[in-house]
Amino acid sequence: MTQHTHDSHDLLEKLGDTNLTLAHSSDDIRDRKVIDSDGEALGHVSALFIDRKDRKVRFLQVGAGGFLGMGEREFLVPIEDVSSVSHAEVHINHSRDHVIAAPPFDPRLTPKYNRDFWYPYYGYYGVTPYWGNAT
């Protein structure tokens, strides 16, 4: 097993914080309503996390709750959990309760979105990380 050095392709970046564009502009689903597996509105896509190398969406940041942005909580959902996308909505494969019980996320407290940061979210949703199982 070779030692892997963590470089820029290990990091996911918030699309709005970069000058990057997505490989396919139709993948920009920010501000769309998020609907859970029970058909209930969960919140809205408040941000997208992309990998610099492939310019693909890897995680959705979902804003839920609150009123006029006050008291809103943020949740992370891997793109693999998305079951369908329409012009106005993004449907996911889990319930609101599952998303709310996910590992906590506060964008103000997260300085670096590296592999170590993402592992708990991939594990929680039962999804293989986009970089595979290699170390």
Protein backbone atom coordinates (compact mmCIF):
# COMPACT_ATOMS: atom_id res chain seq x y z
CA MET A 1 0.00 0.00 0.00
CA THR A 2 1.50 3.31 -1.01
CA GLN A 3 1.28 6.37 1.15
CA HIS A 4 -1.22 8.76 -0.33
CA THR A 5 -0.55 12.43 0.04
CA HIS A 6 -3.60 14.58 0.47
CA ASP A 7 -3.65 17.27 -2.16
CA SER A 8 -6.24 19.59 -3.63
CA HIS A 9 -8.32 16.80 -5.18
CA ASP A 10 -9.01 15.52 -1.67
CA LEU A 11 -10.91 18.66 -0.83
CA LEU A 12 -14.47 19.46 -1.68
CA GLU A 13 -15.28 23.09 -2.12
CA LYS A 14 -18.49 25.02 -1.83
CA LEU A 15 -19.41 26.03 -5.36
CA GLY A 16 -20.28 29.57 -4.34
CA ASP A 17 -16.85 30.05 -2.73
CA THR A 18 -14.96 29.30 -5.94
CA ASN A 19 -14.74 30.57 -9.48
CA LEU A 20 -15.37 27.02 -10.70
CA THR A 21 -18.28 25.98 -12.82
CA LEU A 22 -19.90 22.56 -12.90
CA ALA A 23 -19.13 20.20 -15.76
CA HIS A 24 -22.86 20.31 -16.58
CA SER A 25 -24.71 23.52 -15.75
CA SER A 26 -27.93 21.52 -15.29
CA ASP A 27 -26.33 20.07 -12.11
CA ASP A 28 -26.68 23.45 -10.38
CA ILE A 29 -29.69 22.72 -8.18
CA ARG A 30 -29.15 25.44 -5.60
CA ASP A 31 -32.30 26.98 -4.10
CA ARG A 32 -34.51 24.06 -5.12
CA LYS A 33 -36.85 22.58 -2.53
CA VAL A 34 -35.67 19.31 -0.95
CA ILE A 35 -38.34 16.61 -0.59
CA ASP A 36 -37.71 13.62 1.68
CA SER A 37 -38.60 9.97 1.05
CA ASP A 38 -42.04 10.49 2.66
CA GLY A 39 -42.86 13.29 0.21
CA GLU A 40 -42.44 15.96 2.89
CA ALA A 41 -40.61 19.24 2.30
CA LEU A 42 -37.35 19.18 4.24
CA GLY A 43 -35.83 22.51 3.26
CA HIS A 44 -33.89 23.88 0.31
CA VAL A 45 -30.50 23.31 -1.31
CA SER A 46 -28.47 26.13 0.21
CA ALA A 47 -25.09 25.15 -1.28
CA LEU A 48 -23.33 22.54 -3.37
CA PHE A 49 -19.99 20.94 -2.59
CA ILE A 50 -17.97 19.96 -5.64
CA ASP A 51 -14.66 18.32 -6.26
CA ARG A 52 -12.21 20.49 -8.15
CA LYS A 53 -10.87 17.70 -10.36
CA ASP A 54 -14.12 16.39 -11.87
CA ARG A 55 -16.24 19.51 -11.26
CA LYS A 56 -19.07 17.28 -10.05
CA VAL A 57 -21.47 17.82 -7.20
CA ARG A 58 -20.62 15.48 -4.31
CA PHE A 59 -22.76 16.87 -1.45
CA LEU A 60 -25.81 19.06 -1.01
CA GLN A 61 -26.00 21.48 1.86
CA VAL A 62 -29.64 21.58 2.90
CA GLY A 63 -31.03 24.49 4.89
CA ALA A 64 -34.04 23.50 6.99
CA GLY A 65 -36.26 25.07 9.59
CA GLY A 66 -36.20 28.60 10.80
CA PHE A 67 -38.06 31.60 9.51
CA LEU A 68 -36.59 34.03 6.99
CA GLY A 69 -33.17 32.46 7.50
CA MET A 70 -33.25 32.84 11.30
CA GLY A 71 -32.78 29.64 13.27
CA GLU A 72 -32.13 27.65 10.13
CA ARG A 73 -30.01 24.52 10.49
CA GLU A 74 -27.76 23.11 7.80
CA PHE A 75 -27.46 19.44 6.89
CA LEU A 76 -25.23 17.57 4.45
CA VAL A 77 -26.60 14.97 2.06
CA PRO A 78 -24.42 13.02 -0.40
CA ILE A 79 -25.42 13.38 -4.04
CA GLU A 80 -25.89 9.59 -4.18
CA ASP A 81 -28.93 10.03 -1.92
CA VAL A 82 -30.75 12.09 -4.55
CA SER A 83 -33.45 9.99 -6.21
CA SER A 84 -34.76 12.55 -8.70
CA VAL A 85 -34.52 16.19 -9.67
CA SER A 86 -37.15 18.39 -11.25
CA HIS A 87 -37.15 22.04 -12.23
CA ALA A 88 -38.14 23.06 -8.70
CA GLU A 89 -37.44 20.07 -6.43
CA VAL A 90 -34.75 17.63 -5.35
CA HIS A 91 -36.02 14.31 -3.98
CA ILE A 92 -33.85 12.29 -1.62
CA ASN A 93 -34.00 8.64 -0.48
CA HIS A 94 -34.16 9.27 3.27
CA SER A 95 -36.72 10.68 5.67
CA ARG A 96 -36.53 14.02 7.44
CA ASP A 97 -35.80 12.19 10.71
CA HIS A 98 -32.81 10.43 9.16
CA VAL A 99 -31.37 13.68 7.79
CA ILE A 100 -31.92 15.53 11.06
CA ALA A 101 -30.11 12.76 13.00
CA ALA A 102 -27.05 12.97 10.70
CA PRO A 103 -23.68 14.06 12.12
CA PRO A 104 -23.97 17.76 13.01
CA PHE A 105 -22.77 20.37 10.55
CA ASP A 106 -22.08 24.03 11.13
CA PRO A 107 -20.44 25.73 8.14
CA ARG A 108 -19.03 28.45 10.40
CA LEU A 109 -17.03 25.86 12.35
CA THR A 110 -15.60 23.88 9.44
CA PRO A 111 -12.29 25.24 8.16
CA LYS A 112 -11.41 22.46 5.71
CA TYR A 113 -13.58 20.01 3.83
CA ASN A 114 -11.09 17.15 3.45
CA ARG A 115 -11.60 13.39 3.39
CA ASP A 116 -11.55 13.10 7.18
CA PHE A 117 -14.41 15.58 7.36
CA TRP A 118 -16.59 13.68 4.84
CA TYR A 119 -16.11 10.09 6.10
CA PRO A 120 -18.79 10.26 8.84
CA TYR A 121 -21.40 11.54 6.36
CA TYR A 122 -20.65 8.85 3.80
CA GLY A 123 -20.82 6.22 6.55
CA TYR A 124 -24.07 7.58 7.96
CA TYR A 125 -25.79 7.44 4.58
CA GLY A 126 -24.18 4.10 3.69
CA VAL A 127 -22.50 5.45 0.57
CA THR A 128 -19.00 4.70 -0.70
CA PRO A 129 -16.94 7.91 -0.91
CA TYR A 130 -16.45 9.19 -4.45
CA TRP A 131 -12.71 8.55 -4.16
CA GLY A 132 -13.40 4.86 -3.40
CA ASN A 133 -12.06 2.83 -0.51
CA ALA A 134 -8.40 3.48 -1.24
CA THR A 135 -6.41 5.29 1.42
